[in-house]
Amino acid sequence: MSVLVCLCTCPDPDSAARIADALVDERLAACVNVLPGLRSTYRWQGQVERADEVLLLIKTAADRLPALQQRILALHPYELPEVIAVEAAGGLPAYLGWIAEQTREENR
């Protein structure tokens, strides 16, 4: 089973919590860590921007990524939210199994 860690920045703690709760409630993520205190520097529409943001570390099964991306697009306040998925090269087998179990669609 392939496990992903997805990165997603949010503009504030409220939007981060709302997205994290929805992803876990809807079994699109097994766990979402919410990391405040992030300072981002990026280029947007020809300008260098800086913003205080909150980072989400989202643990999910690879087969749930398309649905997770769609849900983030629906919930996120940004025009173009960051969603970057990194494959986990390994991990504690029991934890990886837990991720698979928690992200299994209920009707499966």
Protein backbone atom coordinates (compact mmCIF):
# COMPACT_ATOMS: atom_id res chain seq x y z
CA MET A 1 0.00 0.00 0.00
CA SER A 2 1.40 3.36 -1.03
CA VAL A 3 1.24 6.12 1.57
CA LEU A 4 1.56 9.82 0.79
CA VAL A 5 2.37 12.84 2.90
CA CYS A 6 0.71 15.89 1.35
CA LEU A 7 1.72 19.47 2.07
CA CYS A 8 -0.86 22.23 2.00
CA THR A 9 -0.47 25.79 3.24
CA CYS A 10 -3.42 27.77 4.62
CA PRO A 11 -3.75 31.49 5.32
CA ASP A 12 -4.91 31.14 8.94
CA PRO A 13 -5.60 28.67 11.76
CA ASP A 14 -9.36 28.65 11.16
CA SER A 15 -9.17 27.58 7.51
CA ALA A 16 -6.44 25.04 8.39
CA ALA A 17 -8.62 23.49 11.12
CA ARG A 18 -11.69 23.41 8.88
CA ILE A 19 -9.80 21.63 6.10
CA ALA A 20 -8.05 19.22 8.50
CA ASP A 21 -11.33 18.29 10.17
CA ALA A 22 -13.11 17.72 6.85
CA LEU A 23 -10.33 15.54 5.43
CA VAL A 24 -10.25 13.29 8.49
CA ASP A 25 -14.06 13.23 8.89
CA GLU A 26 -14.46 12.21 5.25
CA ARG A 27 -11.71 9.53 5.47
CA LEU A 28 -9.57 11.33 2.90
CA ALA A 29 -6.77 11.54 5.47
CA ALA A 30 -5.86 9.37 8.44
CA CYS A 31 -4.15 12.25 10.23
CA VAL A 32 -3.48 15.92 9.57
CA ASN A 33 -0.82 17.80 11.53
CA VAL A 34 -1.43 21.55 11.74
CA LEU A 35 1.82 23.51 12.01
CA PRO A 36 1.46 27.24 12.69
CA GLY A 37 4.17 29.86 12.39
CA LEU A 38 5.16 29.31 8.78
CA ARG A 39 6.51 32.26 6.77
CA SER A 40 6.26 31.78 2.98
CA THR A 41 7.99 33.75 0.24
CA TYR A 42 6.74 33.11 -3.29
CA ARG A 43 6.13 34.70 -6.67
CA TRP A 44 2.47 35.30 -7.55
CA GLN A 45 1.19 37.21 -10.56
CA GLY A 46 4.60 38.74 -11.24
CA GLN A 47 5.22 39.94 -7.68
CA VAL A 48 7.28 38.51 -4.85
CA GLU A 49 4.90 37.97 -1.94
CA ARG A 50 5.40 37.10 1.73
CA ALA A 51 2.73 35.63 3.95
CA ASP A 52 2.31 34.10 7.38
CA GLU A 53 0.69 30.72 6.84
CA VAL A 54 -0.23 27.45 8.55
CA LEU A 55 1.11 24.19 7.10
CA LEU A 56 -0.94 21.02 6.93
CA LEU A 57 0.91 17.67 6.84
CA ILE A 58 -1.69 15.25 5.53
CA LYS A 59 -1.20 11.48 5.71
CA THR A 60 -3.26 9.52 3.20
CA ALA A 61 -3.34 6.48 0.92
CA ALA A 62 -2.20 7.12 -2.65
CA ASP A 63 -5.53 5.99 -4.08
CA ARG A 64 -7.31 8.74 -2.08
CA LEU A 65 -5.19 11.56 -3.57
CA PRO A 66 -7.57 12.60 -6.38
CA ALA A 67 -10.54 12.91 -3.99
CA LEU A 68 -8.37 14.68 -1.41
CA GLN A 69 -7.22 17.22 -4.00
CA GLN A 70 -10.79 17.90 -5.11
CA ARG A 71 -11.93 18.40 -1.52
CA ILE A 72 -9.08 20.80 -0.77
CA LEU A 73 -9.97 22.79 -3.91
CA ALA A 74 -13.58 23.01 -2.71
CA LEU A 75 -12.70 24.11 0.84
CA HIS A 76 -9.58 26.22 0.41
CA PRO A 77 -9.79 30.03 0.30
CA TYR A 78 -6.80 30.40 -2.05
CA GLU A 79 -7.31 30.66 -5.80
CA LEU A 80 -4.48 28.14 -6.26
CA PRO A 81 -3.83 26.15 -3.08
CA GLU A 82 -0.58 24.28 -2.56
CA VAL A 83 -1.09 20.53 -2.66
CA ILE A 84 2.16 18.60 -3.01
CA ALA A 85 2.21 14.85 -2.43
CA VAL A 86 5.39 13.02 -1.42
CA GLU A 87 5.49 9.24 -1.33
CA ALA A 88 6.57 7.75 1.98
CA ALA A 89 9.60 5.54 1.30
CA GLY A 90 8.90 3.52 4.41
CA GLY A 91 7.55 3.63 7.89
CA LEU A 92 6.41 1.53 10.79
CA PRO A 93 4.28 -1.19 9.15
CA ALA A 94 1.55 -0.94 11.78
CA TYR A 95 1.30 2.84 11.26
CA LEU A 96 1.15 2.47 7.48
CA GLY A 97 -1.58 -0.12 7.93
CA TRP A 98 -3.46 2.27 10.20
CA ILE A 99 -3.34 4.93 7.46
CA ALA A 100 -4.76 2.42 4.98
CA GLU A 101 -7.55 1.46 7.39
CA GLN A 102 -8.49 5.04 8.28
CA THR A 103 -8.66 6.19 4.66
CA ARG A 104 -10.65 3.23 3.37
CA GLU A 105 -13.99 4.33 1.99
CA GLU A 106 -16.73 3.14 4.32
CA ASN A 107 -18.62 1.26 1.61
CA ARG A 108 -15.60 -0.89 0.67
